[in-house]
Amino acid sequence: MKGIFRYLKGTQNACITYSADLNEGLFAYCDSDSGGDEAGESTTGYVIVYGGAPIHWRSLKQPLVTLSSTEAELVSLCTLVKDLIWLRELVFELDLIPKGPTTIYCDNESAIKLATNEKSV
């Protein structure tokens, strides 16, 4: 308990700052580790950013065993999009951002091509 209070005292100036100046709209980052544990289960992680700061984030084990990094990234993208749809409806209803597309950043080129239905040459 003492360690927790020392940590809180030492980090009381650390904070997440939301700023209208940094408001680039709503966007998200997602990633996964392919087969990261002994059972071959991957982990999904994502963060949704608004006003230059995170407003929603999540890390969880994927509910199925994927056979490739592309498949693990697609599961990660789908998990993010499910939460993002709900959150977008909320911010649209509150009239915080204009309706339009939300940018999602993913680091797997194959998953991006599959998700956008892009054909590779």
PDB file of N, CA and C in Angstrom:
ATOM      1  N   MET A   1       0.823  -1.179   0.000  1.00  0.00           N
ATOM      2  CA  MET A   1       0.000   0.000   0.000  1.00  0.00           C
ATOM      3  C   MET A   1       0.874   1.252   0.000  1.00  0.00           C
ATOM      4  N   LYS A   2       1.972   1.213   0.761  1.00  0.00           N
ATOM      5  CA  LYS A   2       2.880   2.361   0.794  1.00  0.00           C
ATOM      6  C   LYS A   2       3.434   2.663  -0.594  1.00  0.00           C
ATOM      7  N   GLY A   3       3.763   1.602  -1.350  1.00  0.00           N
ATOM      8  CA  GLY A   3       4.305   1.761  -2.695  1.00  0.00           C
ATOM      9  C   GLY A   3       3.317   2.456  -3.620  1.00  0.00           C
ATOM     10  N   ILE A   4       2.046   2.114  -3.474  1.00  0.00           N
ATOM     11  CA  ILE A   4       1.007   2.738  -4.302  1.00  0.00           C
ATOM     12  C   ILE A   4       0.928   4.227  -4.000  1.00  0.00           C
ATOM     13  N   PHE A   5       0.934   4.582  -2.721  1.00  0.00           N
ATOM     14  CA  PHE A   5       0.856   5.995  -2.355  1.00  0.00           C
ATOM     15  C   PHE A   5       2.099   6.766  -2.794  1.00  0.00           C
ATOM     16  N   ARG A   6       3.287   6.129  -2.720  1.00  0.00           N
ATOM     17  CA  ARG A   6       4.499   6.773  -3.209  1.00  0.00           C
ATOM     18  C   ARG A   6       4.401   7.031  -4.713  1.00  0.00           C
ATOM     19  N   TYR A   7       3.903   6.036  -5.437  1.00  0.00           N
ATOM     20  CA  TYR A   7       3.734   6.185  -6.891  1.00  0.00           C
ATOM     21  C   TYR A   7       2.766   7.329  -7.201  1.00  0.00           C
ATOM     22  N   LEU A   8       1.621   7.364  -6.516  1.00  0.00           N
ATOM     23  CA  LEU A   8       0.625   8.422  -6.749  1.00  0.00           C
ATOM     24  C   LEU A   8       1.185   9.802  -6.430  1.00  0.00           C
ATOM     25  N   LYS A   9       1.958   9.896  -5.339  1.00  0.00           N
ATOM     26  CA  LYS A   9       2.549  11.182  -4.975  1.00  0.00           C
ATOM     27  C   LYS A   9       3.576  11.622  -6.023  1.00  0.00           C
ATOM     28  N   GLY A  10       4.352  10.684  -6.532  1.00  0.00           N
ATOM     29  CA  GLY A  10       5.389  11.011  -7.510  1.00  0.00           C
ATOM     30  C   GLY A  10       4.860  11.315  -8.902  1.00  0.00           C
ATOM     31  N   THR A  11       3.630  10.910  -9.181  1.00  0.00           N
ATOM     32  CA  THR A  11       3.075  11.117 -10.529  1.00  0.00           C
ATOM     33  C   THR A  11       1.857  12.037 -10.526  1.00  0.00           C
ATOM     34  N   GLN A  12       1.695  12.835  -9.496  1.00  0.00           N
ATOM     35  CA  GLN A  12       0.493  13.667  -9.423  1.00  0.00           C
ATOM     36  C   GLN A  12       0.442  14.748 -10.497  1.00  0.00           C
ATOM     37  N   ASN A  13       1.577  15.082 -11.116  1.00  0.00           N
ATOM     38  CA  ASN A  13       1.569  16.055 -12.211  1.00  0.00           C
ATOM     39  C   ASN A  13       1.395  15.398 -13.572  1.00  0.00           C
ATOM     40  N   ALA A  14       1.436  14.070 -13.632  1.00  0.00           N
ATOM     41  CA  ALA A  14       1.223  13.360 -14.891  1.00  0.00           C
ATOM     42  C   ALA A  14      -0.279  13.247 -15.133  1.00  0.00           C
ATOM     43  N   CYS A  15      -0.699  13.616 -16.328  1.00  0.00           N
ATOM     44  CA  CYS A  15      -2.130  13.568 -16.614  1.00  0.00           C
ATOM     45  C   CYS A  15      -2.363  13.489 -18.111  1.00  0.00           C
ATOM     46  N   ILE A  16      -3.563  13.104 -18.471  1.00  0.00           N
ATOM     47  CA  ILE A  16      -3.990  13.126 -19.862  1.00  0.00           C
ATOM     48  C   ILE A  16      -4.646  14.482 -20.089  1.00  0.00           C
ATOM     49  N   THR A  17      -4.190  15.193 -21.105  1.00  0.00           N
ATOM     50  CA  THR A  17      -4.709  16.522 -21.385  1.00  0.00           C
ATOM     51  C   THR A  17      -5.503  16.509 -22.679  1.00  0.00           C
ATOM     52  N   TYR A  18      -6.723  17.010 -22.606  1.00  0.00           N
ATOM     53  CA  TYR A  18      -7.575  17.131 -23.780  1.00  0.00           C
ATOM     54  C   TYR A  18      -7.537  18.595 -24.215  1.00  0.00           C
ATOM     55  N   SER A  19      -7.330  18.822 -25.502  1.00  0.00           N
ATOM     56  CA  SER A  19      -7.196  20.190 -25.984  1.00  0.00           C
ATOM     57  C   SER A  19      -7.958  20.375 -27.289  1.00  0.00           C
ATOM     58  N   ALA A  20      -8.684  21.466 -27.393  1.00  0.00           N
ATOM     59  CA  ALA A  20      -9.392  21.791 -28.640  1.00  0.00           C
ATOM     60  C   ALA A  20      -8.386  22.095 -29.745  1.00  0.00           C
ATOM     61  N   ASP A  21      -7.205  22.601 -29.385  1.00  0.00           N
ATOM     62  CA  ASP A  21      -6.169  22.906 -30.375  1.00  0.00           C
ATOM     63  C   ASP A  21      -5.636  21.645 -31.044  1.00  0.00           C
ATOM     64  N   LEU A  22      -5.592  20.549 -30.290  1.00  0.00           N
ATOM     65  CA  LEU A  22      -5.069  19.289 -30.818  1.00  0.00           C
ATOM     66  C   LEU A  22      -6.166  18.415 -31.404  1.00  0.00           C
ATOM     67  N   ASN A  23      -7.364  18.929 -31.505  1.00  0.00           N
ATOM     68  CA  ASN A  23      -8.482  18.125 -31.964  1.00  0.00           C
ATOM     69  C   ASN A  23      -8.385  17.840 -33.457  1.00  0.00           C
ATOM     70  N   GLU A  24      -7.940  16.649 -33.778  1.00  0.00           N
ATOM     71  CA  GLU A  24      -7.858  16.205 -35.164  1.00  0.00           C
ATOM     72  C   GLU A  24      -8.982  15.231 -35.461  1.00  0.00           C
ATOM     73  N   GLY A  25     -10.022  15.269 -34.670  1.00  0.00           N
ATOM     74  CA  GLY A  25     -11.137  14.345 -34.855  1.00  0.00           C
ATOM     75  C   GLY A  25     -10.928  13.057 -34.084  1.00  0.00           C
ATOM     76  N   LEU A  26     -11.691  12.083 -34.477  1.00  0.00           N
ATOM     77  CA  LEU A  26     -11.667  10.776 -33.834  1.00  0.00           C
ATOM     78  C   LEU A  26     -10.837   9.839 -34.695  1.00  0.00           C
ATOM     79  N   PHE A  27      -9.854   9.155 -34.104  1.00  0.00           N
ATOM     80  CA  PHE A  27      -9.088   8.157 -34.834  1.00  0.00           C
ATOM     81  C   PHE A  27      -8.649   7.069 -33.870  1.00  0.00           C
ATOM     82  N   ALA A  28      -8.177   5.953 -34.414  1.00  0.00           N
ATOM     83  CA  ALA A  28      -7.866   4.799 -33.578  1.00  0.00           C
ATOM     84  C   ALA A  28      -6.625   4.069 -34.074  1.00  0.00           C
ATOM     85  N   TYR A  29      -5.967   3.392 -33.147  1.00  0.00           N
ATOM     86  CA  TYR A  29      -4.825   2.531 -33.437  1.00  0.00           C
ATOM     87  C   TYR A  29      -5.159   1.138 -32.931  1.00  0.00           C
ATOM     88  N   CYS A  30      -4.784   0.112 -33.698  1.00  0.00           N
ATOM     89  CA  CYS A  30      -4.968  -1.250 -33.197  1.00  0.00           C
ATOM     90  C   CYS A  30      -3.759  -2.096 -33.536  1.00  0.00           C
ATOM     91  N   ASP A  31      -3.565  -3.155 -32.754  1.00  0.00           N
ATOM     92  CA  ASP A  31      -2.459  -4.072 -32.980  1.00  0.00           C
ATOM     93  C   ASP A  31      -2.795  -5.401 -32.318  1.00  0.00           C
ATOM     94  N   SER A  32      -2.057  -6.415 -32.684  1.00  0.00           N
ATOM     95  CA  SER A  32      -2.203  -7.714 -32.035  1.00  0.00           C
ATOM     96  C   SER A  32      -0.860  -8.406 -32.030  1.00  0.00           C
ATOM     97  N   ASP A  33      -0.704  -9.360 -31.128  1.00  0.00           N
ATOM     98  CA  ASP A  33       0.470 -10.223 -31.187  1.00  0.00           C
ATOM     99  C   ASP A  33      -0.039 -11.585 -31.631  1.00  0.00           C
ATOM    100  N   SER A  34       0.572 -12.131 -32.624  1.00  0.00           N
ATOM    101  CA  SER A  34       0.113 -13.386 -33.201  1.00  0.00           C
ATOM    102  C   SER A  34       0.626 -14.566 -32.381  1.00  0.00           C
ATOM    103  N   GLY A  35      -0.298 -15.303 -31.770  1.00  0.00           N
ATOM    104  CA  GLY A  35       0.069 -16.491 -31.000  1.00  0.00           C
ATOM    105  C   GLY A  35       1.015 -16.196 -29.865  1.00  0.00           C
ATOM    106  N   GLY A  36       0.725 -15.164 -29.104  1.00  0.00           N
ATOM    107  CA  GLY A  36       1.635 -14.672 -28.076  1.00  0.00           C
ATOM    108  C   GLY A  36       1.800 -15.526 -26.838  1.00  0.00           C
ATOM    109  N   ASP A  37       0.898 -16.470 -26.565  1.00  0.00           N
ATOM    110  CA  ASP A  37       1.053 -17.264 -25.352  1.00  0.00           C
ATOM    111  C   ASP A  37       1.248 -18.744 -25.692  1.00  0.00           C
ATOM    112  N   GLU A  38       1.371 -19.570 -24.660  1.00  0.00           N
ATOM    113  CA  GLU A  38       1.659 -21.002 -24.833  1.00  0.00           C
ATOM    114  C   GLU A  38       0.563 -21.722 -25.612  1.00  0.00           C
ATOM    115  N   ALA A  39      -0.675 -21.289 -25.460  1.00  0.00           N
ATOM    116  CA  ALA A  39      -1.802 -21.939 -26.121  1.00  0.00           C
ATOM    117  C   ALA A  39      -1.993 -21.438 -27.556  1.00  0.00           C
ATOM    118  N   GLY A  40      -1.169 -20.494 -27.987  1.00  0.00           N
ATOM    119  CA  GLY A  40      -1.276 -19.967 -29.338  1.00  0.00           C
ATOM    120  C   GLY A  40      -2.330 -18.886 -29.492  1.00  0.00           C
ATOM    121  N   GLU A  41      -2.854 -18.395 -28.364  1.00  0.00           N
ATOM    122  CA  GLU A  41      -3.858 -17.326 -28.433  1.00  0.00           C
ATOM    123  C   GLU A  41      -3.173 -15.983 -28.616  1.00  0.00           C
ATOM    124  N   SER A  42      -3.773 -15.150 -29.426  1.00  0.00           N
ATOM    125  CA  SER A  42      -3.243 -13.807 -29.671  1.00  0.00           C
ATOM    126  C   SER A  42      -3.919 -12.805 -28.743  1.00  0.00           C
ATOM    127  N   THR A  43      -3.294 -11.660 -28.607  1.00  0.00           N
ATOM    128  CA  THR A  43      -3.848 -10.577 -27.795  1.00  0.00           C
ATOM    129  C   THR A  43      -4.152  -9.394 -28.693  1.00  0.00           C
ATOM    130  N   THR A  44      -5.324  -8.797 -28.494  1.00  0.00           N
ATOM    131  CA  THR A  44      -5.736  -7.605 -29.211  1.00  0.00           C
ATOM    132  C   THR A  44      -5.530  -6.402 -28.312  1.00  0.00           C
ATOM    133  N   GLY A  45      -5.046  -5.321 -28.884  1.00  0.00           N
ATOM    134  CA  GLY A  45      -4.926  -4.070 -28.153  1.00  0.00           C
ATOM    135  C   GLY A  45      -5.301  -2.924 -29.067  1.00  0.00           C
ATOM    136  N   TYR A  46      -6.026  -1.960 -28.531  1.00  0.00           N
ATOM    137  CA  TYR A  46      -6.353  -0.779 -29.323  1.00  0.00           C
ATOM    138  C   TYR A  46      -6.606   0.415 -28.433  1.00  0.00           C
ATOM    139  N   VAL A  47      -6.510   1.594 -29.062  1.00  0.00           N
ATOM    140  CA  VAL A  47      -6.782   2.848 -28.366  1.00  0.00           C
ATOM    141  C   VAL A  47      -7.525   3.760 -29.340  1.00  0.00           C
ATOM    142  N   ILE A  48      -8.546   4.442 -28.823  1.00  0.00           N
ATOM    143  CA  ILE A  48      -9.313   5.412 -29.602  1.00  0.00           C
ATOM    144  C   ILE A  48      -8.985   6.794 -29.050  1.00  0.00           C
ATOM    145  N   VAL A  49      -8.629   7.715 -29.946  1.00  0.00           N
ATOM    146  CA  VAL A  49      -8.132   9.034 -29.556  1.00  0.00           C
ATOM    147  C   VAL A  49      -9.086  10.116 -30.038  1.00  0.00           C
ATOM    148  N   TYR A  50      -9.338  11.086 -29.170  1.00  0.00           N
ATOM    149  CA  TYR A  50     -10.133  12.268 -29.519  1.00  0.00           C
ATOM    150  C   TYR A  50      -9.568  13.458 -28.752  1.00  0.00           C
ATOM    151  N   GLY A  51      -9.460  14.587 -29.397  1.00  0.00           N
ATOM    152  CA  GLY A  51      -8.928  15.776 -28.720  1.00  0.00           C
ATOM    153  C   GLY A  51      -7.474  15.633 -28.357  1.00  0.00           C
ATOM    154  N   GLY A  52      -6.740  14.810 -29.094  1.00  0.00           N
ATOM    155  CA  GLY A  52      -5.319  14.635 -28.836  1.00  0.00           C
ATOM    156  C   GLY A  52      -4.997  13.724 -27.674  1.00  0.00           C
ATOM    157  N   ALA A  53      -6.000  13.046 -27.112  1.00  0.00           N
ATOM    158  CA  ALA A  53      -5.759  12.168 -25.969  1.00  0.00           C
ATOM    159  C   ALA A  53      -6.656  10.932 -26.062  1.00  0.00           C
ATOM    160  N   PRO A  54      -6.234   9.833 -25.449  1.00  0.00           N
ATOM    161  CA  PRO A  54      -7.049   8.615 -25.502  1.00  0.00           C
ATOM    162  C   PRO A  54      -8.355   8.767 -24.728  1.00  0.00           C
ATOM    163  N   ILE A  55      -9.442   8.251 -25.318  1.00  0.00           N
ATOM    164  CA  ILE A  55     -10.728   8.275 -24.622  1.00  0.00           C
ATOM    165  C   ILE A  55     -11.243   6.862 -24.346  1.00  0.00           C
ATOM    166  N   HIS A  56     -10.679   5.875 -25.060  1.00  0.00           N
ATOM    167  CA  HIS A  56     -11.080   4.486 -24.832  1.00  0.00           C
ATOM    168  C   HIS A  56      -9.944   3.584 -25.276  1.00  0.00           C
ATOM    169  N   TRP A  57      -9.622   2.584 -24.462  1.00  0.00           N
ATOM    170  CA  TRP A  57      -8.569   1.643 -24.832  1.00  0.00           C
ATOM    171  C   TRP A  57      -8.920   0.291 -24.260  1.00  0.00           C
ATOM    172  N   ARG A  58      -8.309  -0.730 -24.855  1.00  0.00           N
ATOM    173  CA  ARG A  58      -8.642  -2.081 -24.420  1.00  0.00           C
ATOM    174  C   ARG A  58      -7.543  -3.055 -24.834  1.00  0.00           C
ATOM    175  N   SER A  59      -7.304  -4.042 -24.021  1.00  0.00           N
ATOM    176  CA  SER A  59      -6.389  -5.129 -24.331  1.00  0.00           C
ATOM    177  C   SER A  59      -7.045  -6.418 -23.847  1.00  0.00           C
ATOM    178  N   LEU A  60      -7.152  -7.408 -24.728  1.00  0.00           N
ATOM    179  CA  LEU A  60      -7.804  -8.648 -24.340  1.00  0.00           C
ATOM    180  C   LEU A  60      -7.317  -9.812 -25.183  1.00  0.00           C
ATOM    181  N   LYS A  61      -7.460 -11.011 -24.645  1.00  0.00           N
ATOM    182  CA  LYS A  61      -7.146 -12.226 -25.394  1.00  0.00           C
ATOM    183  C   LYS A  61      -8.194 -12.398 -26.476  1.00  0.00           C
ATOM    184  N   GLN A  62      -7.756 -12.803 -27.650  1.00  0.00           N
ATOM    185  CA  GLN A  62      -8.701 -13.055 -28.723  1.00  0.00           C
ATOM    186  C   GLN A  62      -9.469 -14.339 -28.424  1.00  0.00           C
ATOM    187  N   PRO A  63     -10.757 -14.389 -28.795  1.00  0.00           N
ATOM    188  CA  PRO A  63     -11.591 -15.540 -28.433  1.00  0.00           C
ATOM    189  C   PRO A  63     -11.327 -16.797 -29.265  1.00  0.00           C
ATOM    190  N   LEU A  64     -10.418 -16.723 -30.249  1.00  0.00           N
ATOM    191  CA  LEU A  64     -10.118 -17.885 -31.073  1.00  0.00           C
ATOM    192  C   LEU A  64      -8.629 -17.933 -31.381  1.00  0.00           C
ATOM    193  N   VAL A  65      -8.169 -19.097 -31.782  1.00  0.00           N
ATOM    194  CA  VAL A  65      -6.769 -19.249 -32.149  1.00  0.00           C
ATOM    195  C   VAL A  65      -6.644 -18.930 -33.632  1.00  0.00           C
ATOM    196  N   THR A  66      -5.801 -17.958 -33.960  1.00  0.00           N
ATOM    197  CA  THR A  66      -5.602 -17.569 -35.352  1.00  0.00           C
ATOM    198  C   THR A  66      -4.367 -18.266 -35.900  1.00  0.00           C
ATOM    199  N   LEU A  67      -4.332 -18.444 -37.214  1.00  0.00           N
ATOM    200  CA  LEU A  67      -3.255 -19.210 -37.839  1.00  0.00           C
ATOM    201  C   LEU A  67      -2.173 -18.342 -38.472  1.00  0.00           C
ATOM    202  N   SER A  68      -2.392 -17.022 -38.510  1.00  0.00           N
ATOM    203  CA  SER A  68      -1.384 -16.134 -39.090  1.00  0.00           C
ATOM    204  C   SER A  68      -1.478 -14.758 -38.432  1.00  0.00           C
ATOM    205  N   SER A  69      -0.438 -13.956 -38.661  1.00  0.00           N
ATOM    206  CA  SER A  69      -0.456 -12.594 -38.106  1.00  0.00           C
ATOM    207  C   SER A  69      -1.531 -11.753 -38.795  1.00  0.00           C
ATOM    208  N   THR A  70      -1.782 -12.017 -40.079  1.00  0.00           N
ATOM    209  CA  THR A  70      -2.833 -11.293 -40.799  1.00  0.00           C
ATOM    210  C   THR A  70      -4.194 -11.573 -40.181  1.00  0.00           C
ATOM    211  N   GLU A  71      -4.446 -12.843 -39.889  1.00  0.00           N
ATOM    212  CA  GLU A  71      -5.727 -13.214 -39.285  1.00  0.00           C
ATOM    213  C   GLU A  71      -5.869 -12.608 -37.891  1.00  0.00           C
ATOM    214  N   ALA A  72      -4.792 -12.609 -37.117  1.00  0.00           N
ATOM    215  CA  ALA A  72      -4.820 -12.008 -35.774  1.00  0.00           C
ATOM    216  C   ALA A  72      -5.093 -10.508 -35.862  1.00  0.00           C
ATOM    217  N   GLU A  73      -4.495  -9.832 -36.843  1.00  0.00           N
ATOM    218  CA  GLU A  73      -4.739  -8.395 -37.031  1.00  0.00           C
ATOM    219  C   GLU A  73      -6.174  -8.129 -37.470  1.00  0.00           C
ATOM    220  N   LEU A  74      -6.738  -8.997 -38.313  1.00  0.00           N
ATOM    221  CA  LEU A  74      -8.132  -8.831 -38.729  1.00  0.00           C
ATOM    222  C   LEU A  74      -9.082  -8.966 -37.550  1.00  0.00           C
ATOM    223  N   VAL A  75      -8.816  -9.921 -36.666  1.00  0.00           N
ATOM    224  CA  VAL A  75      -9.639 -10.076 -35.460  1.00  0.00           C
ATOM    225  C   VAL A  75      -9.516  -8.823 -34.603  1.00  0.00           C
ATOM    226  N   SER A  76      -8.304  -8.285 -34.511  1.00  0.00           N
ATOM    227  CA  SER A  76      -8.069  -7.051 -33.758  1.00  0.00           C
ATOM    228  C   SER A  76      -8.851  -5.886 -34.365  1.00  0.00           C
ATOM    229  N   LEU A  77      -8.807  -5.756 -35.687  1.00  0.00           N
ATOM    230  CA  LEU A  77      -9.551  -4.700 -36.374  1.00  0.00           C
ATOM    231  C   LEU A  77     -11.050  -4.830 -36.125  1.00  0.00           C
ATOM    232  N   CYS A  78     -11.572  -6.053 -36.216  1.00  0.00           N
ATOM    233  CA  CYS A  78     -13.012  -6.272 -36.000  1.00  0.00           C
ATOM    234  C   CYS A  78     -13.420  -5.909 -34.577  1.00  0.00           C
ATOM    235  N   THR A  79     -12.606  -6.268 -33.611  1.00  0.00           N
ATOM    236  CA  THR A  79     -12.896  -5.939 -32.216  1.00  0.00           C
ATOM    237  C   THR A  79     -12.923  -4.421 -32.028  1.00  0.00           C
ATOM    238  N   LEU A  80     -11.939  -3.742 -32.612  1.00  0.00           N
ATOM    239  CA  LEU A  80     -11.896  -2.285 -32.533  1.00  0.00           C
ATOM    240  C   LEU A  80     -13.120  -1.659 -33.185  1.00  0.00           C
ATOM    241  N   VAL A  81     -13.461  -2.110 -34.380  1.00  0.00           N
ATOM    242  CA  VAL A  81     -14.567  -1.517 -35.120  1.00  0.00           C
ATOM    243  C   VAL A  81     -15.890  -1.675 -34.368  1.00  0.00           C
ATOM    244  N   LYS A  82     -16.093  -2.813 -33.702  1.00  0.00           N
ATOM    245  CA  LYS A  82     -17.331  -2.996 -32.921  1.00  0.00           C
ATOM    246  C   LYS A  82     -17.467  -1.924 -31.842  1.00  0.00           C
ATOM    247  N   ASP A  83     -16.383  -1.653 -31.119  1.00  0.00           N
ATOM    248  CA  ASP A  83     -16.429  -0.610 -30.086  1.00  0.00           C
ATOM    249  C   ASP A  83     -16.498   0.780 -30.712  1.00  0.00           C
ATOM    250  N   LEU A  84     -15.816   0.960 -31.826  1.00  0.00           N
ATOM    251  CA  LEU A  84     -15.776   2.261 -32.489  1.00  0.00           C
ATOM    252  C   LEU A  84     -17.144   2.661 -33.032  1.00  0.00           C
ATOM    253  N   ILE A  85     -17.911   1.706 -33.531  1.00  0.00           N
ATOM    254  CA  ILE A  85     -19.254   2.004 -34.040  1.00  0.00           C
ATOM    255  C   ILE A  85     -20.112   2.584 -32.919  1.00  0.00           C
ATOM    256  N   TRP A  86     -20.080   1.954 -31.758  1.00  0.00           N
ATOM    257  CA  TRP A  86     -20.867   2.442 -30.613  1.00  0.00           C
ATOM    258  C   TRP A  86     -20.405   3.837 -30.198  1.00  0.00           C
ATOM    259  N   LEU A  87     -19.092   4.019 -30.110  1.00  0.00           N
ATOM    260  CA  LEU A  87     -18.541   5.297 -29.664  1.00  0.00           C
ATOM    261  C   LEU A  87     -18.821   6.418 -30.669  1.00  0.00           C
ATOM    262  N   ARG A  88     -18.736   6.117 -31.971  1.00  0.00           N
ATOM    263  CA  ARG A  88     -19.036   7.119 -33.003  1.00  0.00           C
ATOM    264  C   ARG A  88     -20.482   7.593 -32.903  1.00  0.00           C
ATOM    265  N   GLU A  89     -21.399   6.662 -32.694  1.00  0.00           N
ATOM    266  CA  GLU A  89     -22.808   7.050 -32.551  1.00  0.00           C
ATOM    267  C   GLU A  89     -22.995   7.993 -31.373  1.00  0.00           C
ATOM    268  N   LEU A  90     -22.269   7.723 -30.285  1.00  0.00           N
ATOM    269  CA  LEU A  90     -22.355   8.591 -29.108  1.00  0.00           C
ATOM    270  C   LEU A  90     -21.835   9.996 -29.417  1.00  0.00           C
ATOM    271  N   VAL A  91     -20.649  10.104 -30.024  1.00  0.00           N
ATOM    272  CA  VAL A  91     -20.092  11.434 -30.283  1.00  0.00           C
ATOM    273  C   VAL A  91     -20.881  12.167 -31.366  1.00  0.00           C
ATOM    274  N   PHE A  92     -21.486  11.432 -32.305  1.00  0.00           N
ATOM    275  CA  PHE A  92     -22.341  12.091 -33.302  1.00  0.00           C
ATOM    276  C   PHE A  92     -23.602  12.628 -32.640  1.00  0.00           C
ATOM    277  N   GLU A  93     -24.174  11.837 -31.725  1.00  0.00           N
ATOM    278  CA  GLU A  93     -25.386  12.271 -31.036  1.00  0.00           C
ATOM    279  C   GLU A  93     -25.116  13.484 -30.151  1.00  0.00           C
ATOM    280  N   LEU A  94     -23.934  13.545 -29.549  1.00  0.00           N
ATOM    281  CA  LEU A  94     -23.552  14.688 -28.714  1.00  0.00           C
ATOM    282  C   LEU A  94     -23.054  15.865 -29.562  1.00  0.00           C
ATOM    283  N   ASP A  95     -22.986  15.662 -30.868  1.00  0.00           N
ATOM    284  CA  ASP A  95     -22.558  16.676 -31.825  1.00  0.00           C
ATOM    285  C   ASP A  95     -21.145  17.186 -31.521  1.00  0.00           C
ATOM    286  N   LEU A  96     -20.250  16.251 -31.152  1.00  0.00           N
ATOM    287  CA  LEU A  96     -18.867  16.618 -30.866  1.00  0.00           C
ATOM    288  C   LEU A  96     -18.005  16.657 -32.124  1.00  0.00           C
ATOM    289  N   ILE A  97     -18.335  15.822 -33.097  1.00  0.00           N
ATOM    290  CA  ILE A  97     -17.604  15.818 -34.362  1.00  0.00           C
ATOM    291  C   ILE A  97     -18.600  15.693 -35.503  1.00  0.00           C
ATOM    292  N   PRO A  98     -18.248  16.205 -36.671  1.00  0.00           N
ATOM    293  CA  PRO A  98     -19.141  16.048 -37.820  1.00  0.00           C
ATOM    294  C   PRO A  98     -19.107  14.601 -38.315  1.00  0.00           C
ATOM    295  N   LYS A  99     -20.202  14.172 -38.926  1.00  0.00           N
ATOM    296  CA  LYS A  99     -20.246  12.815 -39.469  1.00  0.00           C
ATOM    297  C   LYS A  99     -19.231  12.692 -40.589  1.00  0.00           C
ATOM    298  N   GLY A 100     -18.623  11.560 -40.644  1.00  0.00           N
ATOM    299  CA  GLY A 100     -17.608  11.289 -41.659  1.00  0.00           C
ATOM    300  C   GLY A 100     -16.801  10.076 -41.252  1.00  0.00           C
ATOM    301  N   PRO A 101     -15.839   9.705 -42.059  1.00  0.00           N
ATOM    302  CA  PRO A 101     -15.047   8.509 -41.752  1.00  0.00           C
ATOM    303  C   PRO A 101     -14.123   8.722 -40.561  1.00  0.00           C
ATOM    304  N   THR A 102     -13.811   7.626 -39.897  1.00  0.00           N
ATOM    305  CA  THR A 102     -12.856   7.635 -38.796  1.00  0.00           C
ATOM    306  C   THR A 102     -11.618   6.881 -39.255  1.00  0.00           C
ATOM    307  N   THR A 103     -10.457   7.482 -39.081  1.00  0.00           N
ATOM    308  CA  THR A 103      -9.209   6.850 -39.502  1.00  0.00           C
ATOM    309  C   THR A 103      -8.794   5.804 -38.487  1.00  0.00           C
ATOM    310  N   ILE A 104      -8.446   4.611 -38.992  1.00  0.00           N
ATOM    311  CA  ILE A 104      -7.941   3.525 -38.158  1.00  0.00           C
ATOM    312  C   ILE A 104      -6.537   3.190 -38.634  1.00  0.00           C
ATOM    313  N   TYR A 105      -5.596   3.180 -37.703  1.00  0.00           N
ATOM    314  CA  TYR A 105      -4.213   2.845 -38.030  1.00  0.00           C
ATOM    315  C   TYR A 105      -3.937   1.399 -37.635  1.00  0.00           C
ATOM    316  N   CYS A 106      -3.409   0.637 -38.588  1.00  0.00           N
ATOM    317  CA  CYS A 106      -3.068  -0.774 -38.372  1.00  0.00           C
ATOM    318  C   CYS A 106      -1.698  -1.001 -38.999  1.00  0.00           C
ATOM    319  N   ASP A 107      -0.874  -1.843 -38.400  1.00  0.00           N
ATOM    320  CA  ASP A 107       0.491  -2.018 -38.890  1.00  0.00           C
ATOM    321  C   ASP A 107       0.696  -3.266 -39.751  1.00  0.00           C
ATOM    322  N   ASN A 108      -0.377  -3.904 -40.204  1.00  0.00           N
ATOM    323  CA  ASN A 108      -0.247  -5.104 -41.013  1.00  0.00           C
ATOM    324  C   ASN A 108      -0.839  -4.844 -42.393  1.00  0.00           C
ATOM    325  N   GLU A 109       0.036  -4.779 -43.395  1.00  0.00           N
ATOM    326  CA  GLU A 109      -0.395  -4.427 -44.744  1.00  0.00           C
ATOM    327  C   GLU A 109      -1.418  -5.416 -45.312  1.00  0.00           C
ATOM    328  N   SER A 110      -1.231  -6.691 -45.065  1.00  0.00           N
ATOM    329  CA  SER A 110      -2.164  -7.702 -45.580  1.00  0.00           C
ATOM    330  C   SER A 110      -3.547  -7.540 -44.962  1.00  0.00           C
ATOM    331  N   ALA A 111      -3.600  -7.271 -43.676  1.00  0.00           N
ATOM    332  CA  ALA A 111      -4.886  -7.071 -43.000  1.00  0.00           C
ATOM    333  C   ALA A 111      -5.581  -5.815 -43.523  1.00  0.00           C
ATOM    334  N   ILE A 112      -4.815  -4.773 -43.793  1.00  0.00           N
ATOM    335  CA  ILE A 112      -5.392  -3.534 -44.334  1.00  0.00           C
ATOM    336  C   ILE A 112      -5.990  -3.803 -45.711  1.00  0.00           C
ATOM    337  N   LYS A 113      -5.262  -4.540 -46.547  1.00  0.00           N
ATOM    338  CA  LYS A 113      -5.763  -4.844 -47.891  1.00  0.00           C
ATOM    339  C   LYS A 113      -7.024  -5.700 -47.825  1.00  0.00           C
ATOM    340  N   LEU A 114      -7.060  -6.667 -46.923  1.00  0.00           N
ATOM    341  CA  LEU A 114      -8.260  -7.495 -46.775  1.00  0.00           C
ATOM    342  C   LEU A 114      -9.423  -6.673 -46.236  1.00  0.00           C
ATOM    343  N   ALA A 115      -9.163  -5.809 -45.263  1.00  0.00           N
ATOM    344  CA  ALA A 115     -10.229  -5.021 -44.654  1.00  0.00           C
ATOM    345  C   ALA A 115     -10.804  -3.990 -45.614  1.00  0.00           C
ATOM    346  N   THR A 116      -9.983  -3.466 -46.515  1.00  0.00           N
ATOM    347  CA  THR A 116     -10.446  -2.455 -47.466  1.00  0.00           C
ATOM    348  C   THR A 116     -10.824  -3.075 -48.808  1.00  0.00           C
ATOM    349  N   ASN A 117     -10.738  -4.394 -48.889  1.00  0.00           N
ATOM    350  CA  ASN A 117     -11.106  -5.144 -50.107  1.00  0.00           C
ATOM    351  C   ASN A 117     -10.220  -4.720 -51.284  1.00  0.00           C
ATOM    352  N   GLU A 118      -8.960  -4.392 -50.984  1.00  0.00           N
ATOM    353  CA  GLU A 118      -8.016  -3.965 -52.003  1.00  0.00           C
ATOM    354  C   GLU A 118      -7.321  -5.185 -52.581  1.00  0.00           C
ATOM    355  N   LYS A 119      -7.165  -5.210 -53.865  1.00  0.00           N
ATOM    356  CA  LYS A 119      -6.475  -6.328 -54.515  1.00  0.00           C
ATOM    357  C   LYS A 119      -5.002  -5.997 -54.653  1.00  0.00           C
ATOM    358  N   SER A 120      -4.154  -6.967 -54.354  1.00  0.00           N
ATOM    359  CA  SER A 120      -2.713  -6.736 -54.498  1.00  0.00           C
ATOM    360  C   SER A 120      -2.273  -7.106 -55.910  1.00  0.00           C
ATOM    361  N   VAL A 121      -1.221  -6.469 -56.375  1.00  0.00           N
ATOM    362  CA  VAL A 121      -0.725  -6.725 -57.727  1.00  0.00           C
ATOM    363  C   VAL A 121       0.544  -7.526 -57.697  1.00  0.00           C
TER     364      VAL A 121
END
